[in-house]
Amino acid sequence: MPDFDQILTNLSEMGIDYGMKVLGALLIIIIGGYFVKRIRVFVHNRLKKTKYDDTFNNFISSSVSALLWIFIMLAILAKFGIEIAPIIAGLGVAGFAIGFAVQGSLSNFASGVMMIMLKPFKVGDYVDVAGTKGLVQDIGIMTCILSTLDNKKIIVPNSKIFGETITNFTGYDTRRVDLQVGISYGSSIEKAKEVLLKAIGGVPGVMGDPAPMAGVTGMGDSSVDFTIRAWCKTGDYWDVFFAGNEAIKNALDAAGIEIPFPQRTVWMQNGN
């Protein structure tokens, strides 16, 4: 005959034992959740005082929260007597396999994190990245979205951007505008220089300091070539570029200085 009293005693002890474990697990979840929340808020607030933006702040605080919850879950498993060493080893193997399978995505992810931290450019900047020029519309964890000047949408993987040279045309407050023009060999260089400097100096947006300059940069087949350089605010670059070319053409015409078209002199000799 089974000893029912003993069975009831064993069941009672097991119930108490597991009940205590469940109660302990609940306490771990409640207390751990409280501290996870407080730590996440603390990390987020600390990061808000740094130079990093909200995208990076949210990513770091969420990652810290997820890592802490993993430790809480492992603590609960240990509470129930489950060996966590094989689980950790299994997670390591699985993580390696998954990482190998999605290494391209992980590379984009890592590059996105680095770009958010280092900030080589920001939304609204005009950049040249991975052989593509455009205005930055969005900086994501995996990709960046650019729009070209003719309004094409281009999505560039972050690993392509971070692994190559980045040119940020709007990274500084000022830019130099370089303009080229040629005058005929019969024209006075000094007079042309005076006319060019006066013309570019009168263009709206051109800065007085540094002052504009003009100089001979070459002797072409048909012309003496000048380069005119002027500084302006970055946002005024294209206005100064277009207005500068127009002002130079009008000023040279008004001064009677010829802008020659390509020509060639041919000498003919009669043979005897």
Protein backbone atom coordinates (compact mmCIF):
# COMPACT_ATOMS: atom_id res chain seq x y z
CA MET A 1 0.00 0.00 0.00
CA PRO A 2 1.36 3.43 -0.89
CA ASP A 3 2.11 5.69 1.99
CA PHE A 4 -0.25 8.58 1.22
CA ASP A 5 0.94 10.60 4.14
CA GLN A 6 4.50 10.43 2.82
CA ILE A 7 3.33 11.33 -0.70
CA LEU A 8 1.42 14.31 0.63
CA THR A 9 4.41 15.37 2.66
CA ASN A 10 6.68 15.14 -0.37
CA LEU A 11 4.21 17.07 -2.54
CA SER A 12 3.86 19.67 0.16
CA GLU A 13 7.64 20.07 0.43
CA MET A 14 7.97 20.26 -3.36
CA GLY A 15 5.20 22.83 -3.54
CA ILE A 16 6.81 24.93 -0.85
CA ASP A 17 10.21 24.58 -2.50
CA TYR A 18 8.99 25.57 -5.97
CA GLY A 19 6.70 28.19 -4.51
CA MET A 20 9.66 29.81 -2.84
CA LYS A 21 11.61 29.61 -6.10
CA VAL A 22 8.72 31.22 -8.01
CA LEU A 23 8.43 33.89 -5.33
CA GLY A 24 12.18 34.46 -5.54
CA ALA A 25 11.97 34.72 -9.34
CA LEU A 26 9.15 37.26 -9.06
CA LEU A 27 11.17 39.29 -6.60
CA ILE A 28 14.18 39.16 -8.94
CA ILE A 29 11.99 40.38 -11.82
CA ILE A 30 10.38 43.17 -9.77
CA ILE A 31 13.56 44.40 -8.11
CA GLY A 32 15.69 43.83 -11.22
CA GLY A 33 13.14 45.60 -13.43
CA TYR A 34 13.14 48.58 -11.09
CA PHE A 35 16.92 48.88 -11.20
CA VAL A 36 17.03 48.30 -14.98
CA LYS A 37 14.61 51.16 -15.49
CA ARG A 38 16.56 53.45 -13.17
CA ILE A 39 19.88 52.55 -14.81
CA ARG A 40 18.46 53.09 -18.30
CA VAL A 41 17.15 56.53 -17.35
CA PHE A 42 20.48 57.37 -15.71
CA VAL A 43 22.47 56.34 -18.80
CA HIS A 44 20.12 58.22 -21.14
CA ASN A 45 20.28 61.41 -19.06
CA ARG A 46 24.06 61.24 -18.86
CA LEU A 47 24.35 60.80 -22.62
CA LYS A 48 22.00 63.74 -23.24
CA LYS A 49 24.64 65.98 -21.68
CA THR A 50 27.22 64.85 -24.23
CA LYS A 51 27.66 65.80 -27.90
CA TYR A 52 25.90 62.65 -29.12
CA ASP A 53 22.41 62.85 -30.61
CA ASP A 54 19.19 61.10 -29.54
CA THR A 55 19.64 58.22 -32.01
CA PHE A 56 22.88 57.17 -30.37
CA ASN A 57 21.58 57.86 -26.85
CA ASN A 58 18.52 55.66 -27.37
CA PHE A 59 20.62 52.90 -28.90
CA ILE A 60 23.09 52.80 -26.00
CA SER A 61 20.44 53.02 -23.26
CA SER A 62 18.35 50.28 -24.93
CA SER A 63 21.43 48.06 -25.31
CA VAL A 64 22.30 48.49 -21.61
CA SER A 65 18.71 47.64 -20.68
CA ALA A 66 18.70 44.51 -22.86
CA LEU A 67 22.02 43.33 -21.41
CA LEU A 68 20.78 43.76 -17.84
CA TRP A 69 17.60 41.82 -18.60
CA ILE A 70 19.72 38.96 -19.95
CA PHE A 71 21.55 38.80 -16.63
CA ILE A 72 18.20 38.84 -14.78
CA MET A 73 16.89 35.94 -16.86
CA LEU A 74 20.06 33.96 -16.21
CA ALA A 75 19.71 34.65 -12.48
CA ILE A 76 16.13 33.32 -12.57
CA LEU A 77 17.23 30.16 -14.36
CA ALA A 78 19.94 29.66 -11.75
CA LYS A 79 17.27 30.11 -9.05
CA PHE A 80 15.44 27.07 -10.42
CA GLY A 81 18.65 25.04 -10.44
CA ILE A 82 19.17 25.14 -14.18
CA GLU A 83 22.81 25.05 -15.25
CA ILE A 84 23.49 28.28 -17.09
CA ALA A 85 27.05 27.49 -18.24
CA PRO A 86 25.85 25.29 -21.16
CA ILE A 87 23.28 27.95 -22.07
CA ILE A 88 25.96 30.65 -22.17
CA ALA A 89 28.20 28.39 -24.26
CA GLY A 90 25.28 27.65 -26.59
CA LEU A 91 24.51 31.33 -26.94
CA GLY A 92 28.15 31.95 -27.81
CA VAL A 93 28.13 29.32 -30.58
CA ALA A 94 24.77 30.51 -31.87
CA GLY A 95 25.94 34.11 -31.79
CA PHE A 96 29.05 33.22 -33.77
CA ALA A 97 26.99 31.39 -36.40
CA ILE A 98 24.46 34.19 -36.67
CA GLY A 99 27.21 36.80 -36.79
CA PHE A 100 28.96 34.95 -39.62
CA ALA A 101 25.69 34.69 -41.56
CA VAL A 102 24.83 38.37 -41.22
CA GLN A 103 28.31 39.86 -41.18
CA GLY A 104 27.34 42.38 -43.87
CA SER A 105 24.47 43.67 -41.75
CA LEU A 106 26.69 43.74 -38.66
CA SER A 107 29.27 45.76 -40.59
CA ASN A 108 26.58 48.27 -41.57
CA PHE A 109 25.37 48.36 -37.96
CA ALA A 110 28.84 48.93 -36.53
CA SER A 111 29.55 51.64 -39.13
CA GLY A 112 26.24 53.31 -38.28
CA VAL A 113 27.14 53.40 -34.59
CA MET A 114 30.56 54.89 -35.37
CA MET A 115 29.05 57.56 -37.63
CA ILE A 116 26.54 58.52 -34.95
CA MET A 117 29.42 58.84 -32.47
CA LEU A 118 31.94 60.64 -34.70
CA LYS A 119 29.43 62.75 -36.68
CA PRO A 120 31.33 63.22 -39.97
CA PHE A 121 28.14 64.86 -41.27
CA LYS A 122 24.61 65.66 -40.18
CA VAL A 123 21.17 65.79 -41.75
CA GLY A 124 21.06 68.65 -44.27
CA ASP A 125 24.78 68.53 -45.18
CA TYR A 126 25.86 68.18 -48.81
CA VAL A 127 28.36 65.33 -49.00
CA ASP A 128 30.28 63.06 -51.33
CA VAL A 129 30.22 59.52 -49.91
CA ALA A 130 30.89 56.18 -51.60
CA GLY A 131 31.12 57.95 -54.95
CA THR A 132 27.71 59.60 -54.50
CA LYS A 133 26.98 63.29 -53.98
CA GLY A 134 23.80 64.47 -52.31
CA LEU A 135 22.01 66.12 -49.42
CA VAL A 136 21.80 63.97 -46.29
CA GLN A 137 18.14 63.24 -45.52
CA ASP A 138 18.52 60.58 -42.83
CA ILE A 139 21.30 58.86 -40.89
CA GLY A 140 20.18 55.40 -39.80
CA ILE A 141 21.81 52.53 -37.97
CA MET A 142 22.09 50.48 -41.18
CA THR A 143 21.90 52.98 -44.06
CA CYS A 144 22.00 56.68 -44.93
CA ILE A 145 19.54 58.33 -47.30
CA LEU A 146 20.74 61.03 -49.70
CA SER A 147 18.88 63.14 -52.23
CA THR A 148 20.75 64.36 -55.30
CA LEU A 149 20.43 67.91 -56.60
CA ASP A 150 18.02 66.64 -59.27
CA ASN A 151 15.95 65.00 -56.49
CA LYS A 152 16.91 61.35 -56.79
CA LYS A 153 16.69 59.27 -53.62
CA ILE A 154 19.84 57.25 -52.92
CA ILE A 155 20.21 54.73 -50.09
CA VAL A 156 23.83 53.99 -49.19
CA PRO A 157 24.92 51.18 -46.79
CA ASN A 158 26.79 52.58 -43.82
CA SER A 159 29.76 50.24 -44.30
CA LYS A 160 30.33 51.70 -47.77
CA ILE A 161 30.35 55.21 -46.31
CA PHE A 162 32.51 54.63 -43.26
CA GLY A 163 35.06 52.54 -45.17
CA GLU A 164 35.82 55.26 -47.71
CA THR A 165 36.73 58.94 -47.89
CA ILE A 166 33.93 61.31 -46.84
CA THR A 167 33.81 64.82 -48.30
CA ASN A 168 31.48 67.19 -46.45
CA PHE A 169 31.00 70.29 -48.60
CA THR A 170 28.98 72.02 -45.88
CA GLY A 171 31.11 70.93 -42.93
CA TYR A 172 32.43 74.46 -42.34
CA ASP A 173 30.67 77.81 -42.17
CA THR A 174 32.58 79.29 -45.13
CA ARG A 175 33.72 78.06 -48.55
CA ARG A 176 35.96 79.35 -51.29
CA VAL A 177 34.52 79.90 -54.75
CA ASP A 178 36.98 79.37 -57.63
CA LEU A 179 36.12 80.89 -61.02
CA GLN A 180 38.11 80.66 -64.25
CA VAL A 181 38.24 82.97 -67.25
CA GLY A 182 40.64 83.62 -70.13
CA ILE A 183 41.63 86.90 -71.79
CA SER A 184 43.30 87.48 -75.11
CA TYR A 185 47.09 87.73 -75.35
CA GLY A 186 46.74 91.29 -76.54
CA SER A 187 44.94 92.44 -73.37
CA SER A 188 46.66 93.99 -70.35
CA ILE A 189 47.05 91.56 -67.46
CA GLU A 190 47.13 94.34 -64.86
CA LYS A 191 43.99 95.96 -66.22
CA ALA A 192 42.23 92.60 -66.40
CA LYS A 193 43.17 91.81 -62.82
CA GLU A 194 41.81 95.16 -61.65
CA VAL A 195 38.53 94.61 -63.52
CA LEU A 196 38.15 91.05 -62.21
CA LEU A 197 38.73 92.00 -58.57
CA LYS A 198 36.26 94.87 -58.80
CA ALA A 199 33.68 92.62 -60.44
CA ILE A 200 33.91 89.79 -57.92
CA GLY A 201 34.07 92.21 -54.99
CA GLY A 202 30.69 93.63 -55.97
CA VAL A 203 28.90 90.27 -55.98
CA PRO A 204 26.43 89.93 -53.06
CA GLY A 205 27.62 87.38 -50.53
CA VAL A 206 31.35 87.71 -51.25
CA MET A 207 33.29 88.25 -48.03
CA GLY A 208 35.81 91.04 -47.60
CA ASP A 209 38.00 88.99 -45.27
CA PRO A 210 39.66 86.98 -46.68
CA ALA A 211 39.74 89.39 -49.60
CA PRO A 212 39.12 88.10 -53.15
CA MET A 213 42.17 87.47 -55.30
CA ALA A 214 42.85 87.01 -59.00
CA GLY A 215 45.95 85.64 -60.66
CA VAL A 216 47.28 84.14 -63.87
CA THR A 217 47.19 80.33 -63.67
CA GLY A 218 48.24 79.37 -67.18
CA MET A 219 48.98 80.22 -70.77
CA GLY A 220 46.45 78.49 -72.97
CA ASP A 221 46.47 77.96 -76.73
CA SER A 222 44.30 81.03 -77.22
CA SER A 223 44.18 82.86 -73.91
CA VAL A 224 45.89 83.96 -70.74
CA ASP A 225 44.00 82.05 -68.07
CA PHE A 226 42.93 83.64 -64.78
CA THR A 227 41.59 82.08 -61.60
CA ILE A 228 39.46 84.28 -59.36
CA ARG A 229 39.00 83.17 -55.75
CA ALA A 230 36.47 84.56 -53.29
CA TRP A 231 35.16 83.44 -49.92
CA CYS A 232 31.52 83.31 -48.88
CA LYS A 233 29.16 81.69 -46.41
CA THR A 234 28.61 78.03 -47.25
CA GLY A 235 24.92 78.60 -47.85
CA ASP A 236 25.72 81.33 -50.41
CA TYR A 237 28.13 79.22 -52.47
CA TRP A 238 26.01 78.61 -55.55
CA ASP A 239 24.56 82.14 -55.57
CA VAL A 240 28.08 83.57 -55.54
CA PHE A 241 29.24 81.06 -58.16
CA PHE A 242 26.55 81.92 -60.71
CA ALA A 243 26.47 85.66 -59.97
CA GLY A 244 30.27 85.79 -60.02
CA ASN A 245 30.54 84.31 -63.50
CA GLU A 246 27.91 86.72 -64.77
CA ALA A 247 29.60 89.73 -63.16
CA ILE A 248 33.00 88.77 -64.63
CA LYS A 249 31.62 88.44 -68.16
CA ASN A 250 29.79 91.77 -67.98
CA ALA A 251 32.79 93.57 -66.44
CA LEU A 252 35.24 92.32 -69.09
CA ASP A 253 32.85 93.27 -71.88
CA ALA A 254 32.38 96.75 -70.41
CA ALA A 255 36.16 97.20 -70.14
CA GLY A 256 36.70 96.08 -73.74
CA ILE A 257 38.79 93.06 -72.67
CA GLU A 258 38.32 90.18 -75.05
CA ILE A 259 37.44 86.68 -73.86
CA PRO A 260 38.83 84.71 -76.82
CA PHE A 261 37.39 81.60 -78.34
CA PRO A 262 39.76 78.79 -79.39
CA GLN A 263 41.75 79.80 -82.47
CA ARG A 264 44.84 78.62 -84.30
CA THR A 265 47.31 80.51 -86.46
CA VAL A 266 48.47 78.63 -89.57
CA TRP A 267 51.66 79.62 -91.35
CA MET A 268 51.91 78.61 -95.00
CA GLN A 269 55.21 78.53 -96.84
CA ASN A 270 55.59 78.14 -100.60
CA GLY A 271 57.94 75.37 -101.50
CA ASN A 272 60.62 75.96 -104.15
